[in-house]
Amino acid sequence: MKFGIDRLLTEDPLRQRLQGRRVSLVAHPASVTANLDHSLDALIGQGVNITSAFGPQHGLKGDKQDNMVETADETDPRYGIPVFSLYGEVRRPGGQMMGTADVFLFDLQDLGCRIYTFVTTLLYLLEEAARHGKEVWVLDRPNPAGGPVEGTLLEPGAESFVGAAQMPMRHGLTMGEMALWFVDHFRIDVPLTVVEMQGWQPGHAPGYGWPDGRVWVNPSPNAASLNMARAYAGTVMLEGTTLSEGRGTTRPLEVLFGAPDIDARAVLGEMERIAPAWLRGCKLRECWFEPTFHKHAGTLCNGLMVHAEGVFYDHHEFRPWRLQALAFKAIRSLYPDYALWRDFPYEYEFDRLAIDVINGGPSLREWVDDQAAQPGDLDARAAADEARWRDSIAPHLIYG
């Protein structure tokens, strides 16, 4: 199969459309070709007139470890072109930045999750390109989580840098499909080209979203595996809690939780009692770890490792958002007074609890904290929202 960047590099008619034009590239470490050459090097090597580059959160080099760690603008030492940060002094590219090119190539590997900020960066680029009379090409890449959608829709008024629009946590789209939805939903008047992939089959073995044989490169420092990408739509909610998400270990965001004062085996038993169907599609394994930094640094934590991989993975049964919600519910049931929700600024949102920013509203937190609330209550609300989202995106699906 071919990703969008591979098609652009090998198909002369596509590259000819860029001749005589100034071109900018939005990229990060996972912006690589099938041969693992970085897109910036490959495009310049093919004679494309790259006049600037942009890096999203974590930077073009992917060197910034945590959230709310900004990247400065710089000059590329090899090519002498400006490299602008879209996670520094600005989140939207300004007029001077947009003036460096005529066509903007968006080549970011996504994880298929609304909160992953590359989704919002795509929206901002489309809007600013429309404002400044520029053209956008999305060099499409797989959604490693595949096509399933899951979660409640972001509530009106809950928009943020981790919530670009009313979509569920697991959106089920590639960035090319997302660009088409953004243009339609927000009525963005911008020349848009989606360089589609060839041969991508979401929902089919063996990769179920990530093609077999294609090397995984971290799109951000803590996105270290396909297992993480599959679990992320659930485990990312741990960032809004006092529980460890595994930062400071070698397997971040692949655990349902870690804490020094919680019995993980008891929590698993409670999850099985409350909603056993929500555990399908993966294997949960009790684990122990001691983070070297971040939450509970230097303290032994007991937790549950998620294995959405190998013989334990069922692509059509695995529901990470519900699985994570269930872990919260079980902890609340066993430890009613546990200080679960972390009160700190999240992505520069100072007036809302982090969990509410992450989930796009307070509904999940309220369900967890309500002793009378049942799994069916959350499931019914999410199922209705998921159906609405599927209807909304149906006209923009490229790959079936």
Protein backbone atom coordinates (compact mmCIF):
# COMPACT_ATOMS: atom_id res chain seq x y z
CA MET A 1 0.00 0.00 0.00
CA LYS A 2 1.01 3.65 -0.25
CA PHE A 3 0.53 6.56 2.14
CA GLY A 4 -0.16 10.01 0.72
CA ILE A 5 3.47 11.08 0.96
CA ASP A 6 4.58 7.98 -0.97
CA ARG A 7 2.14 8.74 -3.77
CA LEU A 8 3.27 12.35 -3.98
CA LEU A 9 6.90 11.28 -4.26
CA THR A 10 6.29 8.61 -6.91
CA GLU A 11 3.51 10.07 -9.07
CA ASP A 12 4.73 12.74 -11.47
CA PRO A 13 1.27 14.29 -12.15
CA LEU A 14 0.88 15.09 -8.44
CA ARG A 15 4.33 16.68 -8.11
CA GLN A 16 3.86 18.64 -11.34
CA ARG A 17 0.98 20.48 -9.68
CA LEU A 18 3.53 21.91 -7.22
CA GLN A 19 6.01 23.11 -9.84
CA GLY A 20 6.75 26.81 -9.66
CA ARG A 21 4.99 27.15 -6.30
CA ARG A 22 6.27 27.77 -2.80
CA VAL A 23 5.45 24.81 -0.59
CA SER A 24 5.34 24.45 3.20
CA LEU A 25 5.27 21.18 5.16
CA VAL A 26 3.50 20.51 8.46
CA ALA A 27 5.32 17.53 9.94
CA HIS A 28 6.65 15.68 12.97
CA PRO A 29 8.94 12.64 13.54
CA ALA A 30 6.39 10.16 12.16
CA SER A 31 6.18 12.08 8.88
CA VAL A 32 8.23 9.47 7.08
CA THR A 33 8.10 7.60 3.79
CA ALA A 34 7.89 3.85 3.36
CA ASN A 35 11.71 3.88 3.39
CA LEU A 36 11.69 5.83 6.68
CA ASP A 37 13.07 8.97 5.05
CA HIS A 38 11.61 12.08 6.66
CA SER A 39 9.09 13.81 4.41
CA LEU A 40 11.04 17.08 4.53
CA ASP A 41 14.19 15.41 3.22
CA ALA A 42 12.32 13.33 0.66
CA LEU A 43 10.36 16.25 -0.79
CA ILE A 44 13.41 18.49 -1.08
CA GLY A 45 15.29 15.57 -2.60
CA GLN A 46 12.62 15.30 -5.27
CA GLY A 47 12.98 18.99 -6.12
CA VAL A 48 9.85 20.29 -4.40
CA ASN A 49 10.37 23.95 -3.50
CA ILE A 50 9.97 23.72 0.27
CA THR A 51 10.19 27.27 1.64
CA SER A 52 9.09 26.69 5.26
CA ALA A 53 8.02 24.00 7.69
CA PHE A 54 5.71 23.81 10.70
CA GLY A 55 5.83 21.67 13.82
CA PRO A 56 2.73 20.82 15.92
CA GLN A 57 2.63 20.00 19.63
CA HIS A 58 5.84 18.23 20.74
CA GLY A 59 7.69 19.93 17.88
CA LEU A 60 8.91 19.03 14.42
CA LYS A 61 11.56 16.90 16.12
CA GLY A 62 9.11 15.42 18.64
CA ASP A 63 11.45 16.26 21.50
CA LYS A 64 9.00 17.91 23.93
CA GLN A 65 7.88 15.29 26.43
CA ASP A 66 4.79 16.60 28.21
CA ASN A 67 1.66 18.68 27.64
CA MET A 68 1.98 22.47 27.89
CA VAL A 69 5.69 22.32 27.00
CA GLU A 70 6.09 24.76 24.14
CA THR A 71 8.45 24.79 21.14
CA ALA A 72 10.16 27.88 19.77
CA ASP A 73 10.50 28.89 16.12
CA GLU A 74 13.85 28.09 14.57
CA THR A 75 15.77 27.91 11.33
CA ASP A 76 16.42 24.46 9.93
CA PRO A 77 20.20 23.98 10.12
CA ARG A 78 20.37 21.80 7.01
CA TYR A 79 18.13 23.67 4.60
CA GLY A 80 18.09 27.17 6.07
CA ILE A 81 14.28 27.45 5.93
CA PRO A 82 12.15 28.80 8.79
CA VAL A 83 10.51 26.20 11.01
CA PHE A 84 7.47 27.67 12.75
CA SER A 85 5.98 26.29 15.95
CA LEU A 86 2.23 25.75 16.17
CA TYR A 87 2.61 24.98 19.85
CA GLY A 88 4.56 27.97 21.09
CA GLU A 89 3.62 31.61 21.04
CA VAL A 90 0.71 30.74 18.73
CA ARG A 91 -1.55 27.80 17.94
CA ARG A 92 -2.80 29.29 14.67
CA PRO A 93 -0.36 30.23 11.90
CA GLY A 94 -0.34 34.01 11.47
CA GLY A 95 -0.08 36.14 8.37
CA GLN A 96 3.72 36.21 8.28
CA MET A 97 3.87 32.43 8.59
CA MET A 98 1.22 31.92 5.93
CA GLY A 99 3.08 34.29 3.64
CA THR A 100 6.02 31.88 3.35
CA ALA A 101 4.22 29.50 0.98
CA ASP A 102 1.43 29.07 -1.54
CA VAL A 103 0.60 25.43 -0.77
CA PHE A 104 0.64 23.81 2.67
CA LEU A 105 1.22 20.06 2.89
CA PHE A 106 -0.23 18.52 6.06
CA ASP A 107 1.57 15.24 6.76
CA LEU A 108 0.89 14.39 10.41
CA GLN A 109 0.32 10.85 11.67
CA ASP A 110 -2.76 10.92 13.93
CA LEU A 111 -4.00 8.42 16.54
CA GLY A 112 -7.70 8.59 15.69
CA CYS A 113 -8.62 10.43 18.88
CA ARG A 114 -10.23 13.87 19.21
CA ILE A 115 -7.98 14.98 22.04
CA TYR A 116 -4.79 14.38 20.05
CA THR A 117 -4.08 17.98 19.17
CA PHE A 118 -3.09 17.39 15.55
CA VAL A 119 -6.81 17.31 14.78
CA THR A 120 -7.22 20.89 16.01
CA THR A 121 -4.02 21.97 14.25
CA LEU A 122 -5.55 20.71 10.99
CA LEU A 123 -8.70 22.78 11.56
CA TYR A 124 -6.68 25.93 12.35
CA LEU A 125 -4.55 25.45 9.23
CA LEU A 126 -7.63 25.09 7.02
CA GLU A 127 -9.22 28.19 8.51
CA GLU A 128 -6.08 30.31 8.18
CA ALA A 129 -5.43 29.08 4.65
CA ALA A 130 -8.93 30.19 3.70
CA ARG A 131 -8.33 33.58 5.34
CA HIS A 132 -5.05 34.14 3.51
CA GLY A 133 -5.94 32.65 0.12
CA LYS A 134 -3.70 29.58 0.41
CA GLU A 135 -4.12 25.95 -0.63
CA VAL A 136 -3.96 22.90 1.64
CA TRP A 137 -3.03 19.34 0.72
CA VAL A 138 -3.51 16.55 3.24
CA LEU A 139 -1.08 13.71 2.60
CA ASP A 140 -3.25 11.02 4.09
CA ARG A 141 -2.07 8.43 6.59
CA PRO A 142 -3.85 5.56 8.37
CA ASN A 143 -5.97 5.90 11.45
CA PRO A 144 -4.21 3.23 13.54
CA ALA A 145 -7.34 2.77 15.67
CA GLY A 146 -9.30 1.98 12.51
CA GLY A 147 -12.84 3.03 11.70
CA PRO A 148 -14.83 2.41 14.92
CA VAL A 149 -16.23 5.50 16.67
CA GLU A 150 -16.84 5.77 20.39
CA GLY A 151 -17.74 8.25 23.07
CA THR A 152 -20.16 11.06 23.76
CA LEU A 153 -20.05 14.10 21.50
CA LEU A 154 -18.20 17.16 22.72
CA GLU A 155 -20.82 19.46 24.23
CA PRO A 156 -21.45 22.95 22.74
CA GLY A 157 -19.31 25.47 24.57
CA ALA A 158 -16.74 22.85 25.60
CA GLU A 159 -14.43 23.51 22.65
CA SER A 160 -10.70 23.75 23.36
CA PHE A 161 -7.36 22.89 21.79
CA VAL A 162 -8.19 19.25 22.60
CA GLY A 163 -11.77 19.65 21.41
CA ALA A 164 -12.00 21.18 17.96
CA ALA A 165 -15.65 20.40 17.33
CA GLN A 166 -18.62 18.27 18.31
CA MET A 167 -17.10 14.85 17.74
CA PRO A 168 -16.65 11.80 19.95
CA MET A 169 -13.37 10.79 21.55
CA ARG A 170 -12.64 8.07 18.97
CA HIS A 171 -13.61 9.70 15.68
CA GLY A 172 -12.86 6.89 13.20
CA LEU A 173 -11.46 9.16 10.47
CA THR A 174 -8.15 9.66 8.72
CA MET A 175 -6.84 13.22 8.60
CA GLY A 176 -7.91 13.42 4.97
CA GLU A 177 -11.45 12.46 5.85
CA MET A 178 -11.36 14.83 8.82
CA ALA A 179 -10.32 17.69 6.55
CA LEU A 180 -13.30 16.99 4.28
CA TRP A 181 -15.62 16.97 7.30
CA PHE A 182 -14.14 20.22 8.66
CA VAL A 183 -14.55 22.01 5.33
CA ASP A 184 -18.18 20.90 5.11
CA HIS A 185 -19.12 21.36 8.77
CA PHE A 186 -17.54 24.80 9.22
CA ARG A 187 -18.16 25.95 5.63
CA ILE A 188 -14.46 26.68 5.08
CA ASP A 189 -13.80 28.14 1.63
CA VAL A 190 -10.35 26.71 0.98
CA PRO A 191 -8.83 24.83 -1.98
CA LEU A 192 -8.31 21.35 -0.48
CA THR A 193 -6.62 18.31 -1.99
CA VAL A 194 -6.58 15.00 -0.17
CA VAL A 195 -3.81 12.77 -1.51
CA GLU A 196 -5.52 9.50 -0.69
CA MET A 197 -3.80 6.32 0.38
CA GLN A 198 -3.81 3.30 -1.88
CA GLY A 199 -4.64 -0.12 -0.48
CA TRP A 200 -5.57 0.89 3.07
CA GLN A 201 -8.22 -1.43 4.52
CA PRO A 202 -9.43 -0.30 7.94
CA GLY A 203 -11.21 -2.97 9.92
CA HIS A 204 -9.45 -5.84 8.18
CA ALA A 205 -6.79 -8.22 9.49
CA PRO A 206 -3.96 -8.24 10.18
CA GLY A 207 -3.51 -4.57 11.07
CA TYR A 208 -7.12 -3.41 11.58
CA GLY A 209 -6.05 0.14 10.83
CA TRP A 210 -2.27 -0.02 10.84
CA PRO A 211 -0.92 -1.83 7.78
CA ASP A 212 1.06 -4.97 8.41
CA GLY A 213 4.74 -4.46 7.69
CA ARG A 214 4.73 -0.68 8.05
CA VAL A 215 7.13 0.46 10.77
CA TRP A 216 5.66 2.39 13.70
CA VAL A 217 7.38 5.73 14.41
CA ASN A 218 6.29 7.70 17.47
CA PRO A 219 4.19 10.70 16.36
CA SER A 220 4.70 12.08 19.89
CA PRO A 221 7.06 10.97 22.67
CA ASN A 222 4.51 8.85 24.55
CA ALA A 223 2.86 7.27 21.49
CA ALA A 224 5.28 4.38 21.52
CA SER A 225 3.27 1.51 20.04
CA LEU A 226 0.22 0.41 18.13
CA ASN A 227 -1.18 -0.92 21.42
CA MET A 228 -1.01 2.59 22.84
CA ALA A 229 -2.75 4.03 19.77
CA ARG A 230 -5.61 1.57 20.17
CA ALA A 231 -6.01 2.20 23.91
CA TYR A 232 -5.45 5.96 23.81
CA ALA A 233 -9.10 7.01 23.38
CA GLY A 234 -9.61 5.64 26.88
CA THR A 235 -6.29 5.96 28.67
CA VAL A 236 -5.85 9.63 27.75
CA MET A 237 -8.59 10.43 30.26
CA LEU A 238 -6.14 9.47 33.01
CA GLU A 239 -4.44 12.80 32.33
CA GLY A 240 -7.40 14.42 34.08
CA THR A 241 -7.02 12.28 37.20
CA THR A 242 -4.61 11.74 40.08
CA LEU A 243 -3.98 8.23 38.74
CA SER A 244 -0.82 7.52 36.79
CA GLU A 245 -1.15 6.97 33.04
CA GLY A 246 2.30 5.38 33.04
CA ARG A 247 4.31 8.49 32.19
CA GLY A 248 7.78 7.97 33.52
CA THR A 249 7.73 4.33 32.41
CA THR A 250 8.46 2.61 29.10
CA ARG A 251 4.75 1.92 28.40
CA PRO A 252 2.88 5.22 28.93
CA LEU A 253 -0.84 5.38 28.19
CA GLU A 254 -1.12 1.60 27.94
CA VAL A 255 -2.45 1.20 31.48
CA LEU A 256 -5.99 1.79 32.78
CA PHE A 257 -4.45 3.28 35.90
CA GLY A 258 -1.59 3.03 38.35
CA ALA A 259 -1.59 4.17 41.97
CA PRO A 260 0.18 3.29 45.21
CA ASP A 261 -3.03 3.12 47.23
CA ILE A 262 -5.40 1.14 44.97
CA ASP A 263 -5.76 -2.65 44.72
CA ALA A 264 -5.74 -3.30 40.96
CA ARG A 265 -6.96 -6.87 41.27
CA ALA A 266 -9.93 -5.71 43.32
CA VAL A 267 -10.70 -3.03 40.75
CA LEU A 268 -10.66 -5.62 37.95
CA GLY A 269 -13.09 -7.79 39.90
CA GLU A 270 -15.39 -4.82 40.39
CA MET A 271 -15.23 -3.98 36.68
CA GLU A 272 -16.23 -7.55 35.87
CA ARG A 273 -19.16 -7.27 38.26
CA ILE A 274 -20.42 -3.89 37.02
CA ALA A 275 -20.20 -4.27 33.22
CA PRO A 276 -18.39 -7.40 32.02
CA ALA A 277 -19.28 -6.74 28.36
CA TRP A 278 -17.18 -3.57 28.41
CA LEU A 279 -14.02 -5.63 28.98
CA ARG A 280 -14.27 -7.44 25.64
CA GLY A 281 -11.73 -7.18 22.87
CA CYS A 282 -8.58 -7.01 24.99
CA LYS A 283 -6.78 -8.56 27.94
CA LEU A 284 -6.21 -6.74 31.23
CA ARG A 285 -3.18 -7.78 33.25
CA GLU A 286 -2.25 -6.71 36.75
CA CYS A 287 1.07 -4.88 36.74
CA TRP A 288 3.43 -2.95 38.98
CA PHE A 289 5.58 0.03 38.07
CA GLU A 290 7.55 2.88 39.61
CA PRO A 291 7.43 6.07 37.52
CA THR A 292 10.74 7.86 37.23
CA PHE A 293 8.93 11.17 36.74
CA HIS A 294 5.41 12.65 36.64
CA LYS A 295 2.64 11.39 38.95
CA HIS A 296 3.74 9.15 41.83
CA ALA A 297 7.38 9.44 40.78
CA GLY A 298 9.60 7.08 42.74
CA THR A 299 6.60 5.28 44.27
CA LEU A 300 5.55 1.71 43.56
CA CYS A 301 2.17 1.67 41.79
CA ASN A 302 -0.29 -1.16 41.25
CA GLY A 303 -2.26 -1.01 38.03
CA LEU A 304 -3.88 -2.74 35.07
CA MET A 305 -2.10 -3.07 31.74
CA VAL A 306 -4.21 -3.04 28.58
CA HIS A 307 -3.27 -5.56 25.89
CA ALA A 308 -5.20 -4.68 22.73
CA GLU A 309 -2.81 -6.75 20.66
CA GLY A 310 -2.02 -10.26 19.50
CA VAL A 311 -4.52 -13.01 20.15
CA PHE A 312 -6.26 -10.85 22.79
CA TYR A 313 -7.35 -8.12 20.39
CA ASP A 314 -10.80 -8.09 18.82
CA HIS A 315 -11.06 -4.96 16.70
CA HIS A 316 -14.83 -5.00 16.57
CA GLU A 317 -15.35 -5.60 20.30
CA PHE A 318 -12.69 -3.38 21.85
CA ARG A 319 -14.15 -0.15 23.29
CA PRO A 320 -11.42 1.76 25.11
CA TRP A 321 -13.53 4.77 26.10
CA ARG A 322 -16.08 2.58 27.88
CA LEU A 323 -13.30 0.44 29.34
CA GLN A 324 -11.63 3.47 30.92
CA ALA A 325 -14.94 4.84 32.17
CA LEU A 326 -15.61 1.47 33.77
CA ALA A 327 -12.24 1.53 35.55
CA PHE A 328 -13.12 4.94 37.01
CA LYS A 329 -16.54 3.65 38.07
CA ALA A 330 -15.03 0.60 39.78
CA ILE A 331 -12.50 2.74 41.66
CA ARG A 332 -15.25 5.08 42.79
CA SER A 333 -17.31 2.10 43.94
CA LEU A 334 -14.46 0.60 45.98
CA TYR A 335 -13.01 3.90 47.18
CA PRO A 336 -15.94 6.35 47.45
CA ASP A 337 -13.87 9.21 48.87
CA TYR A 338 -10.83 8.80 46.60
CA ALA A 339 -9.54 12.14 45.26
CA LEU A 340 -9.90 10.98 41.67
CA TRP A 341 -10.17 14.16 39.65
CA ARG A 342 -7.04 16.26 39.18
CA ASP A 343 -7.54 20.01 39.62
CA PHE A 344 -4.90 21.73 37.48
CA PRO A 345 -4.76 23.72 34.20
CA TYR A 346 -5.08 21.43 31.20
CA GLU A 347 -4.12 22.73 27.76
CA TYR A 348 -4.43 26.28 29.09
CA GLU A 349 -8.01 25.79 30.25
CA PHE A 350 -8.08 27.25 33.77
CA ASP A 351 -11.78 27.34 34.64
CA ARG A 352 -12.81 23.71 34.09
CA LEU A 353 -11.73 20.43 35.59
CA ALA A 354 -9.21 18.68 33.38
CA ILE A 355 -11.39 15.58 33.01
CA ASP A 356 -14.22 17.76 31.67
CA VAL A 357 -11.90 19.45 29.17
CA ILE A 358 -10.62 16.07 28.03
CA ASN A 359 -14.01 14.41 27.67
CA GLY A 360 -15.68 17.48 26.17
CA GLY A 361 -18.09 18.13 29.04
CA PRO A 362 -18.92 16.93 32.56
CA SER A 363 -21.17 13.99 31.68
CA LEU A 364 -18.62 11.21 32.15
CA ARG A 365 -17.37 12.59 35.47
CA GLU A 366 -20.93 13.01 36.71
CA TRP A 367 -21.75 9.42 35.72
CA VAL A 368 -18.71 8.11 37.59
CA ASP A 369 -19.52 10.08 40.74
CA ASP A 370 -23.25 9.26 40.76
CA GLN A 371 -23.65 6.08 42.82
CA ALA A 372 -27.07 5.45 41.28
CA ALA A 373 -25.87 5.77 37.68
CA GLN A 374 -25.69 2.48 35.80
CA PRO A 375 -23.63 1.34 32.79
CA GLY A 376 -26.76 1.43 30.68
CA ASP A 377 -27.17 5.14 31.34
CA LEU A 378 -23.77 6.04 29.91
CA ASP A 379 -24.09 3.48 27.14
CA ALA A 380 -27.41 4.86 25.95
CA ARG A 381 -26.14 8.42 25.77
CA ALA A 382 -22.92 7.40 24.02
CA ALA A 383 -24.71 5.12 21.55
CA ALA A 384 -27.03 7.94 20.48
CA ASP A 385 -24.12 10.33 20.02
CA GLU A 386 -22.11 7.72 18.12
CA ALA A 387 -25.01 7.18 15.72
CA ARG A 388 -25.26 10.94 15.12
CA TRP A 389 -21.55 11.12 14.41
CA ARG A 390 -21.63 8.21 11.97
CA ASP A 391 -24.41 9.93 10.05
CA SER A 392 -22.45 13.19 10.01
CA ILE A 393 -19.23 11.69 8.64
CA ALA A 394 -20.76 9.21 6.19
CA PRO A 395 -20.53 11.52 3.13
CA HIS A 396 -16.82 12.13 3.78
CA LEU A 397 -15.54 8.58 4.18
CA ILE A 398 -12.92 7.77 1.56
CA TYR A 399 -11.98 4.21 2.42
CA GLY A 400 -15.32 2.55 3.11
